[in-house]
Amino acid sequence: MGLPLAAHATAVTLTPTGPTTVAVGETITFDLGISDAVDLFAFQFSLQFDPAIVQGLTLSEGPALGTAGTTFFIAGAFDKLSGLLELTGSSLIGAIPGFSGSGVLASLTFSALGPGTSAIELGDVLLLDSSFTIAEATLASSAVVVAEQAVPEPATLALVLTALAAAASTRGGARRRAG
């Protein structure tokens, strides 16, 4: 027999904190947000991403659940080969009411490895209230676009080097005359 379902649907979203297009070598951070939560006592989630395009770097608990009391956070590990972050979650401790409202449950930072687009897909989302009733969730995943780093064209680079050499020789000549 499973846990009962709550009638209220809660929105769980993965939102970038900055631009969704980054260059190879740059980082991008996403907030796992919750909207219109009612008595949220515990949550869990997993993520899937393309490991050829992004690599998971850091994962931290957001402030939302902690506003209702002391929490126990379980940080899953990023699997660099499969592109998974499995079963991350947090729970309030003790017989207390859960969090109600909107806020950030977790923050995740990725490093851009190679050019392309990677979906950052939410999965295994479970929301429990303080009676251990499952809250229905509507999910909104996200994506990141990784662009190749701009490399100066050879003609542009040669022009810049020529200008620097000319400036250096002009300064050297002016110092010799002044002295």
Protein backbone atom coordinates (compact mmCIF):
# COMPACT_ATOMS: atom_id res chain seq x y z
CA MET A 1 0.00 0.00 0.00
CA GLY A 2 1.50 3.34 -1.06
CA LEU A 3 1.50 6.70 0.62
CA PRO A 4 -1.61 8.89 0.15
CA LEU A 5 -1.53 11.72 -2.41
CA ALA A 6 -2.23 15.34 -1.54
CA ALA A 7 -4.74 17.20 -3.70
CA HIS A 8 -2.54 20.28 -4.20
CA ALA A 9 0.05 20.34 -7.04
CA THR A 10 3.34 22.06 -6.22
CA ALA A 11 5.64 23.46 -8.93
CA VAL A 12 9.26 22.27 -8.86
CA THR A 13 11.50 24.15 -11.29
CA LEU A 14 15.12 24.11 -12.33
CA THR A 15 16.07 27.71 -13.10
CA PRO A 16 19.47 29.08 -14.23
CA THR A 17 20.79 31.91 -12.05
CA GLY A 18 22.49 33.55 -15.07
CA PRO A 19 22.70 33.21 -18.86
CA THR A 20 21.86 29.77 -20.28
CA THR A 21 24.57 30.05 -22.94
CA VAL A 22 28.14 29.70 -21.69
CA ALA A 23 31.54 29.08 -23.26
CA VAL A 24 33.64 25.96 -22.80
CA GLY A 25 35.38 26.23 -19.42
CA GLU A 26 32.76 28.51 -17.85
CA THR A 27 30.31 27.51 -15.13
CA ILE A 28 26.54 27.75 -14.86
CA THR A 29 24.42 27.49 -11.71
CA PHE A 30 20.82 26.29 -11.44
CA ASP A 31 18.44 26.70 -8.51
CA LEU A 32 15.95 23.95 -7.76
CA GLY A 33 12.97 26.02 -6.77
CA ILE A 34 9.58 25.25 -5.32
CA SER A 35 6.44 27.35 -5.67
CA ASP A 36 3.27 27.28 -3.60
CA ALA A 37 4.42 24.49 -1.30
CA VAL A 38 2.03 23.53 1.51
CA ASP A 39 3.54 21.84 4.58
CA LEU A 40 6.64 20.50 2.73
CA PHE A 41 8.46 18.24 5.20
CA ALA A 42 10.85 16.37 2.88
CA PHE A 43 11.90 16.18 -0.76
CA GLN A 44 14.09 14.13 -3.07
CA PHE A 45 15.15 14.48 -6.70
CA SER A 46 17.54 13.19 -9.35
CA LEU A 47 18.99 14.90 -12.42
CA GLN A 48 20.18 13.70 -15.80
CA PHE A 49 22.51 15.67 -18.11
CA ASP A 50 24.86 15.10 -21.06
CA PRO A 51 28.31 14.33 -19.56
CA ALA A 52 30.04 15.19 -22.86
CA ILE A 53 28.74 18.77 -22.60
CA VAL A 54 28.57 19.55 -18.86
CA GLN A 55 30.01 18.16 -15.66
CA GLY A 56 28.43 18.51 -12.23
CA LEU A 57 30.68 20.43 -9.82
CA THR A 58 28.82 21.41 -6.67
CA LEU A 59 25.51 20.76 -4.97
CA SER A 60 24.25 22.57 -1.89
CA GLU A 61 21.04 22.76 0.07
CA GLY A 62 18.95 25.86 -0.51
CA PRO A 63 17.46 27.91 2.31
CA ALA A 64 13.72 27.21 1.85
CA LEU A 65 13.19 24.01 3.86
CA GLY A 66 15.48 25.23 6.65
CA THR A 67 13.17 28.17 7.37
CA ALA A 68 10.74 25.64 8.91
CA GLY A 69 13.33 23.99 11.18
CA THR A 70 16.49 21.91 11.32
CA THR A 71 17.12 19.78 8.23
CA PHE A 72 19.02 16.66 7.29
CA PHE A 73 20.41 17.07 3.75
CA ILE A 74 21.63 14.14 1.68
CA ALA A 75 23.72 15.27 -1.28
CA GLY A 76 23.84 12.77 -4.10
CA ALA A 77 27.04 12.38 -6.11
CA PHE A 78 27.47 13.53 -9.70
CA ASP A 79 28.32 10.57 -11.93
CA LYS A 80 30.67 12.01 -14.57
CA LEU A 81 30.35 9.00 -16.87
CA SER A 82 26.58 8.53 -16.99
CA GLY A 83 25.52 12.15 -16.46
CA LEU A 84 23.42 11.45 -13.39
CA LEU A 85 22.90 13.01 -10.00
CA GLU A 86 20.91 10.45 -8.11
CA LEU A 87 18.65 10.70 -5.09
CA THR A 88 19.46 13.96 -3.44
CA GLY A 89 17.09 14.99 -0.70
CA SER A 90 16.39 16.75 2.54
CA SER A 91 14.02 16.34 5.46
CA LEU A 92 13.02 18.36 8.45
CA ILE A 93 13.88 16.78 11.79
CA GLY A 94 11.24 16.24 14.44
CA ALA A 95 7.47 16.41 14.65
CA ILE A 96 7.05 19.92 13.26
CA PRO A 97 4.99 21.54 10.50
CA GLY A 98 6.59 21.69 7.08
CA PHE A 99 7.63 24.63 4.92
CA SER A 100 4.87 26.55 3.15
CA GLY A 101 5.54 29.04 0.38
CA SER A 102 8.11 29.42 -2.39
CA GLY A 103 11.89 29.26 -2.33
CA VAL A 104 15.09 27.46 -3.30
CA LEU A 105 15.53 23.82 -2.24
CA ALA A 106 19.01 23.28 -3.73
CA SER A 107 21.65 24.93 -5.93
CA LEU A 108 23.74 23.06 -8.49
CA THR A 109 26.77 24.26 -10.44
CA PHE A 110 28.01 22.72 -13.68
CA SER A 111 31.16 23.24 -15.73
CA ALA A 112 30.90 23.50 -19.52
CA LEU A 113 33.08 20.79 -21.11
CA GLY A 114 32.24 20.75 -24.80
CA PRO A 115 30.07 22.56 -27.33
CA GLY A 116 26.42 21.59 -27.70
CA THR A 117 23.13 21.66 -25.81
CA SER A 118 22.46 19.59 -22.72
CA ALA A 119 19.07 19.14 -21.14
CA ILE A 120 19.19 19.23 -17.34
CA GLU A 121 16.27 16.90 -16.60
CA LEU A 122 14.54 16.53 -13.24
CA GLY A 123 13.46 13.05 -12.24
CA ASP A 124 12.51 10.94 -9.21
CA VAL A 125 10.94 14.00 -7.57
CA LEU A 126 9.16 13.17 -4.32
CA LEU A 127 7.58 15.77 -2.03
CA LEU A 128 6.22 14.74 1.38
CA ASP A 129 4.22 16.78 3.86
CA SER A 130 4.49 16.43 7.65
CA SER A 131 1.86 13.63 7.59
CA PHE A 132 4.03 11.78 5.04
CA THR A 133 1.45 12.38 2.32
CA ILE A 134 2.94 12.67 -1.17
CA ALA A 135 2.38 16.09 -2.72
CA GLU A 136 1.76 16.14 -6.46
CA ALA A 137 4.46 18.03 -8.34
CA THR A 138 4.57 19.71 -11.71
CA LEU A 139 8.15 19.69 -13.02
CA ALA A 140 10.02 22.18 -15.19
CA SER A 141 13.49 21.05 -16.25
CA SER A 142 16.06 23.26 -17.99
CA ALA A 143 18.95 23.22 -20.47
CA VAL A 144 22.35 24.77 -21.07
CA VAL A 145 23.94 25.74 -24.38
CA VAL A 146 27.73 25.53 -24.48
CA ALA A 147 29.40 27.56 -27.21
CA GLU A 148 32.97 27.06 -28.37
CA GLN A 149 35.42 29.63 -27.09
CA ALA A 150 36.12 32.40 -29.55
CA VAL A 151 39.60 32.09 -31.04
CA PRO A 152 41.09 35.22 -32.62
CA GLU A 153 41.51 34.99 -36.38
CA PRO A 154 45.18 34.81 -37.45
CA ALA A 155 44.94 38.10 -39.35
CA THR A 156 43.52 39.88 -36.28
CA LEU A 157 46.20 38.42 -34.03
CA ALA A 158 48.97 39.48 -36.46
CA LEU A 159 47.56 43.00 -36.60
CA VAL A 160 47.49 43.27 -32.79
CA LEU A 161 51.06 41.97 -32.48
CA THR A 162 52.28 44.43 -35.17
CA ALA A 163 50.62 47.34 -33.35
CA LEU A 164 52.20 46.31 -30.04
CA ALA A 165 55.65 46.01 -31.64
CA ALA A 166 55.28 49.44 -33.26
CA ALA A 167 54.19 51.01 -29.96
CA ALA A 168 57.12 49.43 -28.12
CA SER A 169 59.68 50.66 -30.68
CA THR A 170 58.22 54.20 -30.62
CA ARG A 171 58.47 54.35 -26.82
CA GLY A 172 62.02 53.03 -26.87
CA GLY A 173 63.10 55.72 -29.34
CA ALA A 174 61.41 58.49 -27.36
CA ARG A 175 63.21 57.45 -24.15
CA ARG A 176 66.63 57.47 -25.85
CA ARG A 177 66.11 61.02 -27.17
CA ALA A 178 64.86 62.32 -23.83
CA GLY A 179 67.89 61.02 -21.93
